[in-house]
PDB file of N, CA and C in Angstrom:
ATOM      1  N   MET A   1      -1.746  -2.460 -15.804  1.00  0.00           N
ATOM      2  CA  MET A   1      -2.737  -2.318 -14.758  1.00  0.00           C
ATOM      3  C   MET A   1      -3.133  -0.841 -14.680  1.00  0.00           C
ATOM      4  N   ASN A   2      -4.406  -0.563 -14.654  1.00  0.00           N
ATOM      5  CA  ASN A   2      -4.910   0.805 -14.616  1.00  0.00           C
ATOM      6  C   ASN A   2      -5.303   1.152 -13.184  1.00  0.00           C
ATOM      7  N   LEU A   3      -4.455   1.905 -12.501  1.00  0.00           N
ATOM      8  CA  LEU A   3      -4.696   2.276 -11.114  1.00  0.00           C
ATOM      9  C   LEU A   3      -5.073   3.748 -11.028  1.00  0.00           C
ATOM     10  N   LYS A   4      -5.883   4.085 -10.063  1.00  0.00           N
ATOM     11  CA  LYS A   4      -6.373   5.448  -9.923  1.00  0.00           C
ATOM     12  C   LYS A   4      -5.328   6.376  -9.318  1.00  0.00           C
ATOM     13  N   TYR A   5      -4.546   5.867  -8.369  1.00  0.00           N
ATOM     14  CA  TYR A   5      -3.572   6.691  -7.654  1.00  0.00           C
ATOM     15  C   TYR A   5      -2.169   6.111  -7.836  1.00  0.00           C
ATOM     16  N   GLN A   6      -1.195   6.979  -7.907  1.00  0.00           N
ATOM     17  CA  GLN A   6       0.186   6.551  -8.136  1.00  0.00           C
ATOM     18  C   GLN A   6       0.719   5.664  -7.001  1.00  0.00           C
ATOM     19  N   TRP A   7       0.338   5.943  -5.763  1.00  0.00           N
ATOM     20  CA  TRP A   7       0.829   5.159  -4.632  1.00  0.00           C
ATOM     21  C   TRP A   7       0.326   3.716  -4.666  1.00  0.00           C
ATOM     22  N   GLN A   8      -0.670   3.438  -5.486  1.00  0.00           N
ATOM     23  CA  GLN A   8      -1.189   2.073  -5.591  1.00  0.00           C
ATOM     24  C   GLN A   8      -0.245   1.148  -6.356  1.00  0.00           C
ATOM     25  N   GLU A   9       0.655   1.715  -7.146  1.00  0.00           N
ATOM     26  CA  GLU A   9       1.590   0.879  -7.910  1.00  0.00           C
ATOM     27  C   GLU A   9       2.472   0.026  -7.011  1.00  0.00           C
ATOM     28  N   PRO A  10       3.154   0.606  -5.992  1.00  0.00           N
ATOM     29  CA  PRO A  10       3.961  -0.264  -5.126  1.00  0.00           C
ATOM     30  C   PRO A  10       3.105  -1.230  -4.300  1.00  0.00           C
ATOM     31  N   LEU A  11       1.883  -0.839  -3.980  1.00  0.00           N
ATOM     32  CA  LEU A  11       0.992  -1.742  -3.253  1.00  0.00           C
ATOM     33  C   LEU A  11       0.636  -2.939  -4.122  1.00  0.00           C
ATOM     34  N   ALA A  12       0.290  -2.685  -5.365  1.00  0.00           N
ATOM     35  CA  ALA A  12      -0.040  -3.773  -6.284  1.00  0.00           C
ATOM     36  C   ALA A  12       1.164  -4.686  -6.497  1.00  0.00           C
ATOM     37  N   ALA A  13       2.345  -4.096  -6.597  1.00  0.00           N
ATOM     38  CA  ALA A  13       3.558  -4.904  -6.775  1.00  0.00           C
ATOM     39  C   ALA A  13       3.775  -5.826  -5.582  1.00  0.00           C
ATOM     40  N   ALA A  14       3.478  -5.339  -4.388  1.00  0.00           N
ATOM     41  CA  ALA A  14       3.635  -6.175  -3.191  1.00  0.00           C
ATOM     42  C   ALA A  14       2.603  -7.291  -3.166  1.00  0.00           C
ATOM     43  N   ILE A  15       1.388  -6.973  -3.521  1.00  0.00           N
ATOM     44  CA  ILE A  15       0.310  -7.960  -3.460  1.00  0.00           C
ATOM     45  C   ILE A  15       0.530  -9.104  -4.441  1.00  0.00           C
ATOM     46  N   ILE A  16       1.139  -8.820  -5.567  1.00  0.00           N
ATOM     47  CA  ILE A  16       1.345  -9.895  -6.552  1.00  0.00           C
ATOM     48  C   ILE A  16       2.725 -10.542  -6.439  1.00  0.00           C
ATOM     49  N   GLU A  17       3.494 -10.158  -5.412  1.00  0.00           N
ATOM     50  CA  GLU A  17       4.838 -10.728  -5.230  1.00  0.00           C
ATOM     51  C   GLU A  17       4.721 -12.180  -4.784  1.00  0.00           C
ATOM     52  N   PHE A  18       5.395 -13.063  -5.492  1.00  0.00           N
ATOM     53  CA  PHE A  18       5.347 -14.491  -5.188  1.00  0.00           C
ATOM     54  C   PHE A  18       6.475 -14.941  -4.273  1.00  0.00           C
ATOM     55  N   TYR A  19       7.561 -14.215  -4.237  1.00  0.00           N
ATOM     56  CA  TYR A  19       8.733 -14.642  -3.490  1.00  0.00           C
ATOM     57  C   TYR A  19       8.791 -13.957  -2.134  1.00  0.00           C
ATOM     58  N   SER A  20       8.781 -14.743  -1.072  1.00  0.00           N
ATOM     59  CA  SER A  20       8.744 -14.182   0.275  1.00  0.00           C
ATOM     60  C   SER A  20       9.952 -13.304   0.571  1.00  0.00           C
ATOM     61  N   GLN A  21      11.095 -13.601  -0.038  1.00  0.00           N
ATOM     62  CA  GLN A  21      12.285 -12.799   0.223  1.00  0.00           C
ATOM     63  C   GLN A  21      12.152 -11.383  -0.341  1.00  0.00           C
ATOM     64  N   HIS A  22      11.213 -11.162  -1.240  1.00  0.00           N
ATOM     65  CA  HIS A  22      10.982  -9.834  -1.811  1.00  0.00           C
ATOM     66  C   HIS A  22       9.736  -9.162  -1.222  1.00  0.00           C
ATOM     67  N   LEU A  23       8.857  -9.946  -0.636  1.00  0.00           N
ATOM     68  CA  LEU A  23       7.577  -9.423  -0.174  1.00  0.00           C
ATOM     69  C   LEU A  23       7.735  -8.364   0.912  1.00  0.00           C
ATOM     70  N   ASP A  24       8.541  -8.623   1.927  1.00  0.00           N
ATOM     71  CA  ASP A  24       8.699  -7.658   3.017  1.00  0.00           C
ATOM     72  C   ASP A  24       9.183  -6.307   2.502  1.00  0.00           C
ATOM     73  N   ARG A  25      10.154  -6.318   1.607  1.00  0.00           N
ATOM     74  CA  ARG A  25      10.680  -5.074   1.048  1.00  0.00           C
ATOM     75  C   ARG A  25       9.597  -4.342   0.262  1.00  0.00           C
ATOM     76  N   LYS A  26       8.830  -5.086  -0.509  1.00  0.00           N
ATOM     77  CA  LYS A  26       7.783  -4.456  -1.312  1.00  0.00           C
ATOM     78  C   LYS A  26       6.653  -3.917  -0.445  1.00  0.00           C
ATOM     79  N   LEU A  27       6.336  -4.621   0.639  1.00  0.00           N
ATOM     80  CA  LEU A  27       5.337  -4.108   1.574  1.00  0.00           C
ATOM     81  C   LEU A  27       5.822  -2.818   2.224  1.00  0.00           C
ATOM     82  N   GLU A  28       7.099  -2.769   2.577  1.00  0.00           N
ATOM     83  CA  GLU A  28       7.674  -1.551   3.157  1.00  0.00           C
ATOM     84  C   GLU A  28       7.615  -0.396   2.160  1.00  0.00           C
ATOM     85  N   GLU A  29       7.937  -0.659   0.910  1.00  0.00           N
ATOM     86  CA  GLU A  29       7.883   0.380  -0.116  1.00  0.00           C
ATOM     87  C   GLU A  29       6.457   0.900  -0.292  1.00  0.00           C
ATOM     88  N   ALA A  30       5.496   0.001  -0.275  1.00  0.00           N
ATOM     89  CA  ALA A  30       4.096   0.402  -0.413  1.00  0.00           C
ATOM     90  C   ALA A  30       3.663   1.240   0.784  1.00  0.00           C
ATOM     91  N   GLU A  31       4.051   0.805   1.963  1.00  0.00           N
ATOM     92  CA  GLU A  31       3.698   1.535   3.180  1.00  0.00           C
ATOM     93  C   GLU A  31       4.320   2.937   3.180  1.00  0.00           C
ATOM     94  N   GLU A  32       5.559   3.044   2.747  1.00  0.00           N
ATOM     95  CA  GLU A  32       6.217   4.348   2.657  1.00  0.00           C
ATOM     96  C   GLU A  32       5.500   5.254   1.661  1.00  0.00           C
ATOM     97  N   ALA A  33       5.093   4.707   0.530  1.00  0.00           N
ATOM     98  CA  ALA A  33       4.377   5.497  -0.472  1.00  0.00           C
ATOM     99  C   ALA A  33       3.045   5.998   0.074  1.00  0.00           C
ATOM    100  N   ILE A  34       2.363   5.152   0.824  1.00  0.00           N
ATOM    101  CA  ILE A  34       1.081   5.534   1.417  1.00  0.00           C
ATOM    102  C   ILE A  34       1.277   6.641   2.446  1.00  0.00           C
ATOM    103  N   HIS A  35       2.256   6.478   3.330  1.00  0.00           N
ATOM    104  CA  HIS A  35       2.505   7.503   4.340  1.00  0.00           C
ATOM    105  C   HIS A  35       2.927   8.830   3.708  1.00  0.00           C
ATOM    106  N   ALA A  36       3.717   8.764   2.667  1.00  0.00           N
ATOM    107  CA  ALA A  36       4.132   9.985   1.964  1.00  0.00           C
ATOM    108  C   ALA A  36       2.911  10.683   1.378  1.00  0.00           C
ATOM    109  N   ARG A  37       2.002   9.914   0.811  1.00  0.00           N
ATOM    110  CA  ARG A  37       0.808  10.518   0.219  1.00  0.00           C
ATOM    111  C   ARG A  37      -0.097  11.114   1.297  1.00  0.00           C
ATOM    112  N   PHE A  38      -0.201  10.454   2.452  1.00  0.00           N
ATOM    113  CA  PHE A  38      -0.960  11.034   3.562  1.00  0.00           C
ATOM    114  C   PHE A  38      -0.401  12.417   3.914  1.00  0.00           C
ATOM    115  N   GLN A  39       0.915  12.536   3.952  1.00  0.00           N
ATOM    116  CA  GLN A  39       1.536  13.827   4.259  1.00  0.00           C
ATOM    117  C   GLN A  39       1.217  14.868   3.189  1.00  0.00           C
ATOM    118  N   GLU A  40       1.239  14.470   1.934  1.00  0.00           N
ATOM    119  CA  GLU A  40       0.923  15.395   0.851  1.00  0.00           C
ATOM    120  C   GLU A  40      -0.525  15.890   0.939  1.00  0.00           C
ATOM    121  N   LEU A  41      -1.405  15.041   1.425  1.00  0.00           N
ATOM    122  CA  LEU A  41      -2.827  15.384   1.496  1.00  0.00           C
ATOM    123  C   LEU A  41      -3.221  16.040   2.811  1.00  0.00           C
ATOM    124  N   GLU A  42      -2.270  16.268   3.665  1.00  0.00           N
ATOM    125  CA  GLU A  42      -2.542  16.756   5.017  1.00  0.00           C
ATOM    126  C   GLU A  42      -3.467  17.980   5.050  1.00  0.00           C
ATOM    127  N   ASN A  43      -3.267  18.922   4.176  1.00  0.00           N
ATOM    128  CA  ASN A  43      -4.064  20.149   4.167  1.00  0.00           C
ATOM    129  C   ASN A  43      -5.124  20.177   3.075  1.00  0.00           C
ATOM    130  N   ASN A  44      -5.354  19.046   2.445  1.00  0.00           N
ATOM    131  CA  ASN A  44      -6.335  18.967   1.369  1.00  0.00           C
ATOM    132  C   ASN A  44      -7.628  18.358   1.911  1.00  0.00           C
ATOM    133  N   GLU A  45      -8.625  19.200   2.097  1.00  0.00           N
ATOM    134  CA  GLU A  45      -9.894  18.733   2.659  1.00  0.00           C
ATOM    135  C   GLU A  45     -10.765  18.021   1.630  1.00  0.00           C
ATOM    136  N   ASN A  46     -10.395  18.063   0.364  1.00  0.00           N
ATOM    137  CA  ASN A  46     -11.208  17.488  -0.703  1.00  0.00           C
ATOM    138  C   ASN A  46     -10.777  16.090  -1.127  1.00  0.00           C
ATOM    139  N   ALA A  47      -9.925  15.460  -0.360  1.00  0.00           N
ATOM    140  CA  ALA A  47      -9.373  14.161  -0.764  1.00  0.00           C
ATOM    141  C   ALA A  47      -9.930  13.017   0.083  1.00  0.00           C
ATOM    142  N   THR A  48     -11.188  13.098   0.430  1.00  0.00           N
ATOM    143  CA  THR A  48     -11.808  12.086   1.292  1.00  0.00           C
ATOM    144  C   THR A  48     -11.737  10.692   0.686  1.00  0.00           C
ATOM    145  N   ASP A  49     -12.045  10.572  -0.587  1.00  0.00           N
ATOM    146  CA  ASP A  49     -12.027   9.258  -1.236  1.00  0.00           C
ATOM    147  C   ASP A  49     -10.626   8.669  -1.252  1.00  0.00           C
ATOM    148  N   GLU A  50      -9.643   9.504  -1.553  1.00  0.00           N
ATOM    149  CA  GLU A  50      -8.274   8.983  -1.580  1.00  0.00           C
ATOM    150  C   GLU A  50      -7.807   8.610  -0.182  1.00  0.00           C
ATOM    151  N   ARG A  51      -8.164   9.394   0.822  1.00  0.00           N
ATOM    152  CA  ARG A  51      -7.786   9.032   2.197  1.00  0.00           C
ATOM    153  C   ARG A  51      -8.376   7.680   2.587  1.00  0.00           C
ATOM    154  N   ARG A  52      -9.610   7.457   2.192  1.00  0.00           N
ATOM    155  CA  ARG A  52     -10.252   6.164   2.474  1.00  0.00           C
ATOM    156  C   ARG A  52      -9.480   5.039   1.778  1.00  0.00           C
ATOM    157  N   ALA A  53      -9.087   5.279   0.548  1.00  0.00           N
ATOM    158  CA  ALA A  53      -8.313   4.276  -0.191  1.00  0.00           C
ATOM    159  C   ALA A  53      -6.954   4.047   0.464  1.00  0.00           C
ATOM    160  N   LEU A  54      -6.335   5.110   0.967  1.00  0.00           N
ATOM    161  CA  LEU A  54      -5.048   4.974   1.659  1.00  0.00           C
ATOM    162  C   LEU A  54      -5.195   4.116   2.910  1.00  0.00           C
ATOM    163  N   HIS A  55      -6.252   4.368   3.680  1.00  0.00           N
ATOM    164  CA  HIS A  55      -6.505   3.546   4.870  1.00  0.00           C
ATOM    165  C   HIS A  55      -6.733   2.087   4.478  1.00  0.00           C
ATOM    166  N   ASP A  56      -7.459   1.868   3.405  1.00  0.00           N
ATOM    167  CA  ASP A  56      -7.685   0.501   2.921  1.00  0.00           C
ATOM    168  C   ASP A  56      -6.371  -0.161   2.529  1.00  0.00           C
ATOM    169  N   GLY A  57      -5.488   0.605   1.893  1.00  0.00           N
ATOM    170  CA  GLY A  57      -4.179   0.077   1.515  1.00  0.00           C
ATOM    171  C   GLY A  57      -3.366  -0.343   2.725  1.00  0.00           C
ATOM    172  N   LEU A  58      -3.371   0.498   3.768  1.00  0.00           N
ATOM    173  CA  LEU A  58      -2.653   0.142   5.000  1.00  0.00           C
ATOM    174  C   LEU A  58      -3.262  -1.089   5.660  1.00  0.00           C
ATOM    175  N   SER A  59      -4.581  -1.189   5.627  1.00  0.00           N
ATOM    176  CA  SER A  59      -5.244  -2.374   6.186  1.00  0.00           C
ATOM    177  C   SER A  59      -4.848  -3.637   5.437  1.00  0.00           C
ATOM    178  N   LEU A  60      -4.754  -3.521   4.146  1.00  0.00           N
ATOM    179  CA  LEU A  60      -4.344  -4.660   3.327  1.00  0.00           C
ATOM    180  C   LEU A  60      -2.919  -5.087   3.674  1.00  0.00           C
ATOM    181  N   ILE A  61      -2.034  -4.131   3.824  1.00  0.00           N
ATOM    182  CA  ILE A  61      -0.647  -4.438   4.200  1.00  0.00           C
ATOM    183  C   ILE A  61      -0.614  -5.126   5.562  1.00  0.00           C
ATOM    184  N   ARG A  62      -1.363  -4.599   6.536  1.00  0.00           N
ATOM    185  CA  ARG A  62      -1.406  -5.217   7.867  1.00  0.00           C
ATOM    186  C   ARG A  62      -1.931  -6.643   7.797  1.00  0.00           C
ATOM    187  N   SER A  63      -2.952  -6.857   6.980  1.00  0.00           N
ATOM    188  CA  SER A  63      -3.522  -8.203   6.842  1.00  0.00           C
ATOM    189  C   SER A  63      -2.514  -9.184   6.263  1.00  0.00           C
ATOM    190  N   VAL A  64      -1.798  -8.761   5.256  1.00  0.00           N
ATOM    191  CA  VAL A  64      -0.791  -9.635   4.647  1.00  0.00           C
ATOM    192  C   VAL A  64       0.268  -9.989   5.677  1.00  0.00           C
ATOM    193  N   ARG A  65       0.716  -9.005   6.433  1.00  0.00           N
ATOM    194  CA  ARG A  65       1.736  -9.264   7.462  1.00  0.00           C
ATOM    195  C   ARG A  65       1.187 -10.141   8.580  1.00  0.00           C
ATOM    196  N   LYS A  66      -0.011  -9.845   9.045  1.00  0.00           N
ATOM    197  CA  LYS A  66      -0.610 -10.577  10.167  1.00  0.00           C
ATOM    198  C   LYS A  66      -0.876 -12.034   9.826  1.00  0.00           C
ATOM    199  N   GLU A  67      -1.413 -12.258   8.675  1.00  0.00           N
ATOM    200  CA  GLU A  67      -1.784 -13.613   8.270  1.00  0.00           C
ATOM    201  C   GLU A  67      -0.594 -14.409   7.753  1.00  0.00           C
ATOM    202  N   GLY A  68       0.522 -13.727   7.576  1.00  0.00           N
ATOM    203  CA  GLY A  68       1.695 -14.435   7.086  1.00  0.00           C
ATOM    204  C   GLY A  68       1.453 -15.014   5.708  1.00  0.00           C
ATOM    205  N   LEU A  69       0.787 -14.241   4.862  1.00  0.00           N
ATOM    206  CA  LEU A  69       0.459 -14.711   3.516  1.00  0.00           C
ATOM    207  C   LEU A  69       1.682 -14.657   2.634  1.00  0.00           C
ATOM    208  N   LYS A  70       2.678 -15.449   2.993  1.00  0.00           N
ATOM    209  CA  LYS A  70       3.931 -15.479   2.253  1.00  0.00           C
ATOM    210  C   LYS A  70       4.140 -16.880   1.706  1.00  0.00           C
ATOM    211  N   VAL A  71       4.756 -16.923   0.582  1.00  0.00           N
ATOM    212  CA  VAL A  71       5.134 -18.206   0.001  1.00  0.00           C
ATOM    213  C   VAL A  71       6.600 -18.428   0.322  1.00  0.00           C
ATOM    214  N   ASN A  72       6.901 -19.447   1.066  1.00  0.00           N
ATOM    215  CA  ASN A  72       8.300 -19.730   1.446  1.00  0.00           C
ATOM    216  C   ASN A  72       8.912 -20.750   0.543  1.00  0.00           C
TER     217      ASN A  72
END
């Protein structure tokens, strides 16, 4: 898979996870990676596109959790 940002790897792994017992952990890992990247970009005013992508990633995680898109 060709991803633009490194933090997208754990997000992609969570999105394609089929087993509900692994999904929560993978979502947490993706969320941690996103938050870590937000901190790294804190003083970088030129990362508007990546910040938008980070927000989209968090929205995707929230949607998966909210909708209960888990396979039991």
